[in-house]
Each structure stands twice: as structure tokens, then as C-alpha cells.
Protein backbone atom coordinates (compact mmCIF):
# COMPACT_ATOMS: atom_id res chain seq x y z
CA MET A 1 40.84 6.64 -23.42
CA PRO A 2 37.19 5.60 -23.84
CA THR A 3 34.82 7.33 -26.20
CA VAL A 4 31.51 8.62 -24.84
CA SER A 5 28.06 8.96 -26.39
CA VAL A 6 25.56 11.15 -24.54
CA ILE A 7 21.98 10.26 -25.52
CA ILE A 8 19.14 12.65 -24.69
CA THR A 9 15.62 11.37 -25.36
CA ALA A 10 12.92 14.01 -25.73
CA PHE A 11 9.36 14.50 -26.96
CA ARG A 12 7.65 17.89 -27.30
CA GLU A 13 10.31 19.45 -25.08
CA GLU A 14 11.50 22.30 -27.26
CA ALA A 15 11.19 24.67 -24.26
CA THR A 16 13.64 22.70 -22.10
CA LEU A 17 15.86 20.79 -24.53
CA GLY A 18 18.25 23.71 -25.13
CA ARG A 19 19.21 23.90 -21.46
CA ALA A 20 19.69 20.12 -21.33
CA ILE A 21 22.04 20.19 -24.35
CA GLN A 22 24.01 23.23 -23.14
CA ALA A 23 24.66 21.64 -19.75
CA PHE A 24 26.38 18.68 -21.44
CA LEU A 25 28.19 20.70 -24.11
CA ALA A 26 29.91 22.85 -21.50
CA GLN A 27 31.53 19.69 -20.08
CA LEU A 28 32.20 17.75 -23.28
CA THR A 29 34.44 20.56 -24.56
CA ASN A 30 36.99 19.72 -21.84
CA THR A 31 37.50 16.01 -22.50
CA THR A 32 41.05 15.91 -21.08
CA ARG A 33 39.78 16.81 -17.63
CA LEU A 34 37.16 14.06 -17.92
CA GLY A 35 39.74 11.45 -18.95
CA ILE A 36 37.85 10.51 -22.12
CA SER A 37 38.60 10.62 -25.83
CA THR A 38 38.07 13.82 -27.83
CA ASP A 39 35.83 11.75 -30.11
CA THR A 40 32.66 12.34 -28.08
CA GLU A 41 29.13 12.81 -29.36
CA LEU A 42 25.77 14.05 -28.14
CA LEU A 43 22.73 12.40 -29.73
CA VAL A 44 19.25 13.89 -29.40
CA VAL A 45 16.55 11.30 -30.09
CA CYS A 46 13.17 12.94 -30.71
CA PRO A 47 10.21 12.62 -33.11
CA ASP A 48 8.32 15.94 -33.11
CA PRO A 49 9.13 18.93 -35.36
CA GLY A 50 9.54 21.47 -32.54
CA THR A 51 12.08 19.47 -30.54
CA THR A 52 13.83 18.33 -33.72
CA ALA A 53 14.28 21.95 -34.79
CA VAL A 54 16.08 22.70 -31.51
CA ALA A 55 18.31 19.63 -31.91
CA ASN A 56 19.19 20.55 -35.51
CA ALA A 57 19.98 24.14 -34.51
CA TYR A 58 22.61 22.87 -32.06
CA ALA A 59 23.88 20.32 -34.59
CA GLU A 60 24.60 23.14 -37.06
CA LYS A 61 26.78 24.92 -34.49
CA HIS A 62 28.42 21.92 -32.80
CA ALA A 63 29.95 19.03 -34.74
CA CYS A 64 29.48 16.59 -31.87
CA VAL A 65 25.67 17.04 -31.80
CA ARG A 66 23.45 14.84 -33.98
CA HIS A 67 19.71 14.37 -34.27
CA VAL A 68 18.46 10.78 -34.37
CA ALA A 69 14.97 10.23 -35.80
CA ASP A 70 12.51 8.65 -33.39
CA PRO A 71 9.47 6.75 -34.81
CA GLN A 72 7.42 7.82 -31.74
CA GLN A 73 6.67 4.31 -30.50
CA GLY A 74 7.58 4.92 -26.86
CA LYS A 75 10.68 5.71 -24.84
CA PRO A 76 12.21 2.19 -25.02
CA THR A 77 12.18 2.45 -28.83
CA ALA A 78 13.77 5.90 -28.61
CA VAL A 79 16.50 4.53 -26.34
CA ASN A 80 17.13 1.67 -28.77
CA LYS A 81 17.41 4.09 -31.69
CA GLY A 82 19.99 6.03 -29.70
CA LEU A 83 21.93 2.86 -28.89
CA GLU A 84 21.95 1.85 -32.56
CA ALA A 85 23.42 5.21 -33.52
CA ALA A 86 25.87 5.51 -30.60
CA ARG A 87 29.56 5.02 -31.36
CA GLY A 88 30.92 5.45 -27.83
CA ASP A 89 32.35 2.86 -25.47
CA ILE A 90 30.32 4.42 -22.66
CA VAL A 91 26.75 5.65 -23.07
CA VAL A 92 25.31 8.41 -20.90
CA LEU A 93 21.50 8.52 -20.85
CA SER A 94 19.42 11.54 -19.85
CA ASP A 95 16.16 13.36 -20.68
CA GLY A 96 15.29 16.56 -22.47
CA ASP A 97 13.41 18.08 -19.52
CA VAL A 98 16.18 17.84 -16.88
CA VAL A 99 19.46 19.75 -16.44
CA VAL A 100 22.69 18.10 -15.33
CA ASP A 101 24.97 19.93 -12.93
CA ASP A 102 27.87 21.76 -14.57
CA ARG A 103 30.31 19.30 -12.90
CA ALA A 104 28.28 16.10 -13.23
CA LEU A 105 30.14 14.19 -15.95
CA ASN A 106 33.48 13.87 -14.18
CA PRO A 107 32.17 11.94 -11.13
CA LEU A 108 29.74 10.01 -13.34
CA LEU A 109 32.53 8.70 -15.59
CA ARG A 110 35.32 8.32 -13.02
CA PRO A 111 34.22 4.89 -11.66
CA PHE A 112 34.65 3.32 -15.12
CA ARG A 113 38.40 3.27 -14.51
CA ASP A 114 37.56 0.04 -12.69
CA SER A 115 36.96 -2.59 -15.39
CA GLN A 116 34.42 -4.37 -13.17
CA VAL A 117 32.09 -1.35 -13.11
CA GLY A 118 29.32 -1.78 -15.67
CA ALA A 119 27.11 1.22 -14.87
CA VAL A 120 27.03 4.35 -12.73
CA SER A 121 23.97 6.21 -11.48
CA GLY A 122 23.68 9.96 -11.16
CA HIS A 123 21.99 11.78 -8.29
CA PRO A 124 18.56 13.37 -9.00
CA VAL A 125 17.89 16.55 -7.03
CA SER A 126 14.41 18.06 -6.85
CA VAL A 127 13.98 21.69 -7.89
CA SER A 128 10.29 21.65 -6.95
CA PRO A 129 9.29 23.89 -4.01
CA ARG A 130 9.30 22.03 -0.69
CA LYS A 131 6.52 24.32 0.62
CA THR A 132 3.84 22.47 -1.40
CA VAL A 133 2.52 18.94 -0.81
CA LEU A 134 3.76 17.50 -4.11
CA GLY A 135 7.01 19.42 -3.87
CA TYR A 136 7.61 18.07 -0.37
CA TRP A 137 6.93 14.54 -1.60
CA SER A 138 9.54 14.99 -4.34
CA HIS A 139 12.18 16.06 -1.83
CA LEU A 140 11.35 13.24 0.58
CA LEU A 141 11.44 10.58 -2.14
CA THR A 142 14.59 11.81 -3.90
CA ASP A 143 16.45 12.24 -0.61
CA SER A 144 15.33 8.79 0.57
CA ILE A 145 16.47 7.11 -2.65
CA HIS A 146 19.75 9.04 -2.40
CA ARG A 147 20.35 7.63 1.08
CA MET A 148 19.48 4.11 -0.07
CA ARG A 149 21.81 4.27 -3.09
CA LEU A 150 24.60 5.72 -0.96
CA ALA A 151 24.28 2.95 1.63
CA ARG A 152 24.14 0.22 -1.02
CA ASP A 153 27.11 1.66 -2.88
CA ARG A 154 29.23 1.74 0.28
CA ALA A 155 28.21 -1.82 1.13
CA GLY A 156 28.92 -3.09 -2.40
CA ARG A 157 25.28 -4.09 -2.93
CA PHE A 158 23.20 -3.94 -6.10
CA LEU A 159 21.51 -0.62 -6.86
CA VAL A 160 19.23 0.61 -9.64
CA CYS A 161 20.38 3.56 -11.74
CA SER A 162 18.31 6.72 -12.06
CA GLY A 163 16.82 7.22 -15.51
CA TYR A 164 17.36 10.97 -15.25
CA LEU A 165 21.13 10.48 -15.51
CA PHE A 166 23.18 7.29 -15.72
CA ALA A 167 26.01 5.78 -17.73
CA PHE A 168 26.91 2.23 -18.76
CA ARG A 169 29.29 0.26 -20.95
CA ARG A 170 27.73 0.08 -24.41
CA ARG A 171 28.85 -3.51 -25.09
CA LEU A 172 26.83 -4.81 -22.13
CA VAL A 173 23.41 -3.73 -23.44
CA ASP A 174 22.26 -4.33 -27.03
CA ARG A 175 18.74 -3.03 -26.57
CA VAL A 176 15.92 -2.78 -24.05
CA PRO A 177 12.53 -4.51 -24.43
CA GLU A 178 10.21 -2.20 -26.35
CA ASP A 179 7.44 -2.56 -23.77
CA ALA A 180 9.70 -1.78 -20.78
CA LEU A 181 8.14 0.80 -18.45
CA ALA A 182 11.41 1.52 -16.61
CA GLU A 183 14.37 1.24 -18.98
CA ASP A 184 16.75 2.31 -16.20
CA ALA A 185 15.69 -0.66 -14.07
CA VAL A 186 15.96 -3.08 -17.00
CA VAL A 187 19.45 -1.87 -17.95
CA SER A 188 20.59 -2.03 -14.32
CA HIS A 189 19.42 -5.61 -13.93
CA LEU A 190 20.85 -6.71 -17.30
CA ILE A 191 24.27 -5.41 -16.28
CA ALA A 192 24.18 -6.84 -12.75
CA GLN A 193 23.17 -10.26 -14.08
CA GLN A 194 26.36 -10.28 -16.17
CA GLY A 195 28.43 -9.96 -13.00
CA TYR A 196 29.31 -6.27 -13.26
CA VAL A 197 29.15 -3.75 -10.42
CA ILE A 198 26.83 -0.73 -10.44
CA ARG A 199 28.15 2.33 -8.64
CA TYR A 200 26.55 5.52 -7.37
CA ALA A 201 28.02 8.98 -8.04
CA PRO A 202 26.35 11.36 -5.55
CA GLU A 203 28.29 14.33 -6.94
CA ALA A 204 26.82 13.74 -10.42
CA ARG A 205 23.70 15.78 -9.74
CA VAL A 206 20.86 16.25 -12.18
CA HIS A 207 18.18 18.86 -11.47
CA VAL A 208 14.62 17.57 -11.91
CA ARG A 209 11.21 19.24 -11.75
CA TYR A 210 8.67 16.77 -10.42
CA PRO A 211 4.86 16.70 -10.97
CA SER A 212 2.83 19.44 -9.31
CA THR A 213 -0.59 17.74 -9.58
CA TYR A 214 -1.72 14.44 -8.07
CA GLY A 215 -2.93 13.18 -11.46
CA ASP A 216 0.48 13.79 -13.04
CA TRP A 217 2.19 12.26 -10.00
CA LEU A 218 0.16 9.05 -10.38
CA ARG A 219 0.77 8.90 -14.13
CA GLN A 220 4.52 9.28 -13.71
CA LYS A 221 4.88 6.94 -10.76
CA THR A 222 2.61 4.23 -12.18
CA ARG A 223 4.86 3.79 -15.20
CA SER A 224 8.12 3.96 -13.21
CA ALA A 225 6.98 1.71 -10.34
CA GLY A 226 5.17 -0.48 -12.86
CA GLY A 227 8.51 -1.29 -14.43
CA TYR A 228 9.44 -3.23 -11.29
CA ALA A 229 6.32 -5.38 -11.69
CA GLN A 230 7.28 -6.48 -15.21
CA PRO A 231 8.96 -9.88 -15.66
CA TYR A 232 12.34 -8.39 -16.71
CA VAL A 233 12.78 -6.98 -13.21
CA ARG A 234 10.38 -8.96 -11.03
CA ARG A 235 12.07 -12.30 -11.82
CA SER A 236 15.60 -11.02 -11.32
CA LYS A 237 17.69 -12.48 -8.50
CA VAL A 238 18.88 -9.00 -7.49
CA ARG A 239 16.40 -6.52 -6.07
CA MET A 240 16.30 -2.95 -4.77
CA ARG A 241 12.71 -1.75 -5.12
CA SER A 242 9.27 -3.29 -4.56
CA ALA A 243 6.18 -2.49 -2.50
CA TRP A 244 7.41 -4.80 0.28
CA LEU A 245 10.94 -3.37 0.34
CA GLU A 246 9.52 0.14 0.35
CA MET A 247 7.42 -0.61 3.44
CA ARG A 248 10.26 -2.38 5.21
CA THR A 249 13.06 0.12 4.59
CA GLY A 250 11.36 3.33 3.51
CA THR A 251 8.92 3.85 6.38
CA ARG A 252 11.58 4.68 8.95
CA ILE A 253 13.37 7.09 6.61
CA ALA A 254 10.09 8.83 5.72
CA LEU A 255 9.06 9.29 9.36
CA GLN A 256 12.42 10.89 10.17
CA TYR A 257 12.17 13.39 7.30
CA PRO A 258 9.53 15.98 8.42
CA THR A 259 10.74 19.15 10.14
CA ASP A 260 7.35 20.33 11.46
CA ALA A 261 3.74 19.23 11.99
CA ARG A 262 2.66 20.24 8.48
CA GLU A 263 5.36 18.13 6.85
CA PHE A 264 4.48 15.22 9.14
CA LEU A 265 0.87 15.42 7.88
CA TRP A 266 2.12 15.49 4.29
CA THR A 267 4.21 12.39 5.04
CA MET A 268 1.09 10.57 6.24
CA LEU A 269 -0.66 11.58 3.02
CA LEU A 270 2.27 10.20 1.04
CA PHE A 271 1.84 6.79 2.71
CA GLY A 272 -1.75 6.75 1.40
CA ALA A 273 -0.64 7.91 -2.05
CA ARG A 274 2.02 5.19 -2.27
CA LEU A 275 -0.58 2.57 -1.30
CA HIS A 276 -2.84 3.94 -4.05
CA LEU A 277 0.09 3.75 -6.48
CA TRP A 278 1.05 0.16 -5.74
CA LEU A 279 -2.60 -0.92 -6.02
CA LEU A 280 -2.73 0.67 -9.48
CA VAL A 281 0.47 -1.14 -10.42
CA LEU A 282 -0.97 -4.44 -9.23
CA ILE A 283 -4.17 -3.95 -11.22
CA LYS A 284 -2.87 -2.31 -14.40
CA VAL A 285 0.50 -4.02 -14.79
CA ARG A 286 0.25 -7.39 -13.05
CA LEU A 287 -3.43 -8.30 -13.50
CA LEU A 288 -4.66 -6.46 -16.60
CA GLN A 289 -1.22 -6.29 -18.27
CA ARG A 290 -1.99 -2.97 -19.91
CA PRO A 291 0.26 -2.14 -22.91
CA LEU A 292 2.97 0.52 -22.92
CA ARG A 293 0.94 2.97 -25.00
CA THR A 294 -1.78 2.94 -22.32
CA LEU A 295 0.47 3.17 -19.27
CA TRP A 296 2.94 5.71 -20.70
CA GLN A 297 0.98 8.97 -20.47
CA ARG A 298 2.59 12.37 -20.95
CA VAL A 299 3.12 14.45 -17.80
CA GLU A 300 2.89 18.18 -18.51
CA SER A 301 3.62 19.73 -15.10
CA THR A 302 7.28 18.60 -15.15
CA LYS A 303 8.12 20.66 -18.25
């Protein structure tokens, strides 16, 4: 049976990290049901004292939990530190400010019974209130991506994993570029280019709080969408996301989503916001080639 390493990356998330760890621990204690080895581990990669204290507190009580020191040079470096320390055949990546469903690991790991499967994506679910503009946007976007991943999975087409929760075979990825804005996209493309299949596990839900201010929304989306404008992804032969693909396939889905006139207005506003976003990506990532430390800005309203 394969061994599994769960890696949680976190920074200044002492208020949310405990829930993220507990959600995984409750499932890792029953490894027989998951079909994995009892030799599992949960690594928390974080640099700041507050978050480290939470990680160490769990490590004292649970032998499978370890803290991995993070030099605070960006998320790609944190992911690489976790990969260096990981001993598992399969790596599960997640964040310290999200909570996986209490039955997420089983469907996430099940597809690896097929030796041709290289990675599996989880299913982000918004916990933001739909009655606000930004909350509605989060539901529309997560539901739209869910439908796209589901359709691609059923058709056997390439899909990009969600960075909030995904798993992959450790031997297929040595490290990610340390200036990568979207490590989930980079890992997905690296695996697909080696001829492996990427699957979607819609039952592997992970609960996510999305930005509640427009400034935070732009900061978060610029770095995630900007990852698709970097050479590692832009020059790949396989493709799932881009400004053009979003217009071609996403417009119809978005227009079908509103349930009343207010939500229809919010959908129109989202079209303008996405145009604003892709213009920022074009300027900051493609033209000015801003560095990671400039583009990766902390988003507080998701904590």
C-alpha cells in the first residue's frame, strides 16, 4: 500500500491552522479504510512563530505531525521545503486557511489505484455568503470551475488541479520553480507532460473562504491567474485556462448562473472585474515581469 505525506503550507494562520490539521488527522487515523500504509505523515510548513507554535503543539500530541521550517521566501519555496521533507509515495497539498471535508481523503486517493493517474484534484466549495457581491462571485466561479473539471474528467481531457486540495505522485515532481505564481498549475502541467492522467474527485470537498473586498479579490486573482501567463504554463501544449478560453467557455456558464435580477447585475459586474484582472495580468506579469515578492501580496479577508 502507498505511503502518504500531507503537506500544509501556512503563514500567519495560527487562527485557522488548528482546524486544517484536525480535519486531516481525523481521516489519517483510519488508514485501512483509505487503502494506504499506516506510515503516513502530516507536514506543516510555516515560518512565523505563531503558526509554528500551533504546528509544534500538534506534533507533541501526534507522532505523524511534523513542523518543517520555512525560510519565508514565498509559497513555491515552502512547497519545495515540504517536498524535500516528504517521505510518502503520494503527496497531498493543502493550505492552512482552508478545511477539508471529513470524508475528502478517500475519494482523493482512490484514483491512484490506476497506475496511469499522476494527480487528482479536490473540489473547492465556497463558504462565503452568496448574498454579497464578492460572495456571489466566489460561488459562481467555484461552481463554474467545478462543472469544467467534471466535464473534462468525464471526457478524459487535461485539467488543472486546485491548489486548495490536490494530490500527486511524489516521484513525478522534484520541485516547482521558485518564482511560480500558481504552483498547482505548474505541477499539473509537469505531470501531464510526462504522459500521466489528471483526475477530478468531486466528492473530495475543501471548504474555502474567499476575499470579501475588491482589493483582496484582485490581489488573490492576479497571482493565481498570473501563473497561467508565466512561461511554465503559457508554453505548454495542454491548456485549460486563459483569458480567451474563459471568454469562449465561461460566458455561457456565467449567464446561466443568476437566479434573480440582482444576481444578474452582479454577473455583469464580474465580467468587468475579470477584464480588469486579465489586463493587470498582461501588464504586471507579461509586460513588466514583476517578481514574485511584488505580485504575491497577503490577503487578510480570507482568514
